[in-house]
Amino acid sequence: MLDDLRRSAFENEPDDFDSEDDTFTFDDVSRPERQFLGMSAIERMFLSIFFFMNVLVIGVALLLATGRLAF
């Protein structure tokens, strides 16, 4: 059953297929760059690191101010 399917797949190749036309490269495909608020991926990464550091510093400051974290 599978052999018949394979055989029929090779027998019924489309006529308009040119096996010598292998000029397609991945560079021909252009993907639009996804942007959030007009920023590139690197800018978004630095922004997320900046926000993380802010939350970390403010959290530690609040813990120190409330006396729940003592050195």
C-alpha atoms as a PDB file:
ATOM      1  CA  MET A   1       0.000   0.000   0.000  1.00  0.00           C
ATOM      2  CA  LEU A   2       2.752   2.479   0.904  1.00  0.00           C
ATOM      3  CA  ASP A   3       4.852   1.317  -2.023  1.00  0.00           C
ATOM      4  CA  ASP A   4       1.976   2.133  -4.390  1.00  0.00           C
ATOM      5  CA  LEU A   5       1.686   5.584  -2.872  1.00  0.00           C
ATOM      6  CA  ARG A   6       5.417   6.235  -3.303  1.00  0.00           C
ATOM      7  CA  ARG A   7       5.337   4.972  -6.856  1.00  0.00           C
ATOM      8  CA  SER A   8       2.357   7.151  -7.749  1.00  0.00           C
ATOM      9  CA  ALA A   9       4.024  10.193  -6.209  1.00  0.00           C
ATOM     10  CA  PHE A  10       7.069   9.813  -8.426  1.00  0.00           C
ATOM     11  CA  GLU A  11       5.038   9.057 -11.555  1.00  0.00           C
ATOM     12  CA  ASN A  12       2.734  12.075 -11.281  1.00  0.00           C
ATOM     13  CA  GLU A  13       5.247  14.898 -11.121  1.00  0.00           C
ATOM     14  CA  PRO A  14       3.886  18.243 -12.323  1.00  0.00           C
ATOM     15  CA  ASP A  15       4.832  19.199 -15.869  1.00  0.00           C
ATOM     16  CA  ASP A  16       5.685  22.812 -15.025  1.00  0.00           C
ATOM     17  CA  PHE A  17       8.341  21.821 -12.470  1.00  0.00           C
ATOM     18  CA  ASP A  18      11.853  22.667 -13.600  1.00  0.00           C
ATOM     19  CA  SER A  19      14.347  20.570 -11.667  1.00  0.00           C
ATOM     20  CA  GLU A  20      17.241  22.794 -12.799  1.00  0.00           C
ATOM     21  CA  ASP A  21      15.690  25.958 -11.366  1.00  0.00           C
ATOM     22  CA  ASP A  22      17.370  25.945  -7.964  1.00  0.00           C
ATOM     23  CA  THR A  23      18.043  29.664  -7.679  1.00  0.00           C
ATOM     24  CA  PHE A  24      15.936  30.043  -4.548  1.00  0.00           C
ATOM     25  CA  THR A  25      17.882  30.967  -1.440  1.00  0.00           C
ATOM     26  CA  PHE A  26      16.733  31.852   2.030  1.00  0.00           C
ATOM     27  CA  ASP A  27      18.080  35.364   1.509  1.00  0.00           C
ATOM     28  CA  ASP A  28      15.327  35.940  -1.061  1.00  0.00           C
ATOM     29  CA  VAL A  29      12.674  35.669   1.643  1.00  0.00           C
ATOM     30  CA  SER A  30      12.381  38.911   3.532  1.00  0.00           C
ATOM     31  CA  ARG A  31      10.566  38.780   6.830  1.00  0.00           C
ATOM     32  CA  PRO A  32       9.260  42.020   8.207  1.00  0.00           C
ATOM     33  CA  GLU A  33      11.017  42.839  11.459  1.00  0.00           C
ATOM     34  CA  ARG A  34       8.584  42.652  14.329  1.00  0.00           C
ATOM     35  CA  GLN A  35       8.641  45.794  16.383  1.00  0.00           C
ATOM     36  CA  PHE A  36       7.058  46.826  19.642  1.00  0.00           C
ATOM     37  CA  LEU A  37       6.731  50.581  20.111  1.00  0.00           C
ATOM     38  CA  GLY A  38       9.159  51.065  17.228  1.00  0.00           C
ATOM     39  CA  MET A  39      12.033  49.227  18.955  1.00  0.00           C
ATOM     40  CA  SER A  40      14.256  46.509  17.597  1.00  0.00           C
ATOM     41  CA  ALA A  41      14.922  43.247  19.432  1.00  0.00           C
ATOM     42  CA  ILE A  42      18.133  44.530  21.044  1.00  0.00           C
ATOM     43  CA  GLU A  43      16.416  47.678  22.292  1.00  0.00           C
ATOM     44  CA  ARG A  44      13.576  45.610  23.786  1.00  0.00           C
ATOM     45  CA  MET A  45      16.123  43.371  25.511  1.00  0.00           C
ATOM     46  CA  PHE A  46      17.889  46.323  27.136  1.00  0.00           C
ATOM     47  CA  LEU A  47      14.559  47.818  28.152  1.00  0.00           C
ATOM     48  CA  SER A  48      13.480  44.576  29.827  1.00  0.00           C
ATOM     49  CA  ILE A  49      16.831  44.319  31.658  1.00  0.00           C
ATOM     50  CA  PHE A  50      16.435  47.943  32.769  1.00  0.00           C
ATOM     51  CA  PHE A  51      12.931  47.274  34.121  1.00  0.00           C
ATOM     52  CA  PHE A  52      14.120  44.128  35.914  1.00  0.00           C
ATOM     53  CA  MET A  53      16.950  46.016  37.600  1.00  0.00           C
ATOM     54  CA  ASN A  54      14.545  48.795  38.633  1.00  0.00           C
ATOM     55  CA  VAL A  55      12.136  46.316  40.203  1.00  0.00           C
ATOM     56  CA  LEU A  56      15.022  44.585  41.972  1.00  0.00           C
ATOM     57  CA  VAL A  57      16.458  47.810  43.429  1.00  0.00           C
ATOM     58  CA  ILE A  58      13.066  49.216  44.434  1.00  0.00           C
ATOM     59  CA  GLY A  59      12.075  45.882  45.998  1.00  0.00           C
ATOM     60  CA  VAL A  60      15.237  45.677  48.072  1.00  0.00           C
ATOM     61  CA  ALA A  61      14.826  49.323  49.099  1.00  0.00           C
ATOM     62  CA  LEU A  62      11.264  48.704  50.258  1.00  0.00           C
ATOM     63  CA  LEU A  63      12.289  45.593  52.182  1.00  0.00           C
ATOM     64  CA  LEU A  64      15.026  47.564  53.911  1.00  0.00           C
ATOM     65  CA  ALA A  65      12.663  50.458  54.651  1.00  0.00           C
ATOM     66  CA  THR A  66      10.037  48.196  56.217  1.00  0.00           C
ATOM     67  CA  GLY A  67      12.616  46.293  58.267  1.00  0.00           C
ATOM     68  CA  ARG A  68      11.909  42.926  56.692  1.00  0.00           C
ATOM     69  CA  LEU A  69      15.432  42.676  55.330  1.00  0.00           C
ATOM     70  CA  ALA A  70      18.302  43.506  57.618  1.00  0.00           C
ATOM     71  CA  PHE A  71      22.000  43.198  56.981  1.00  0.00           C
END
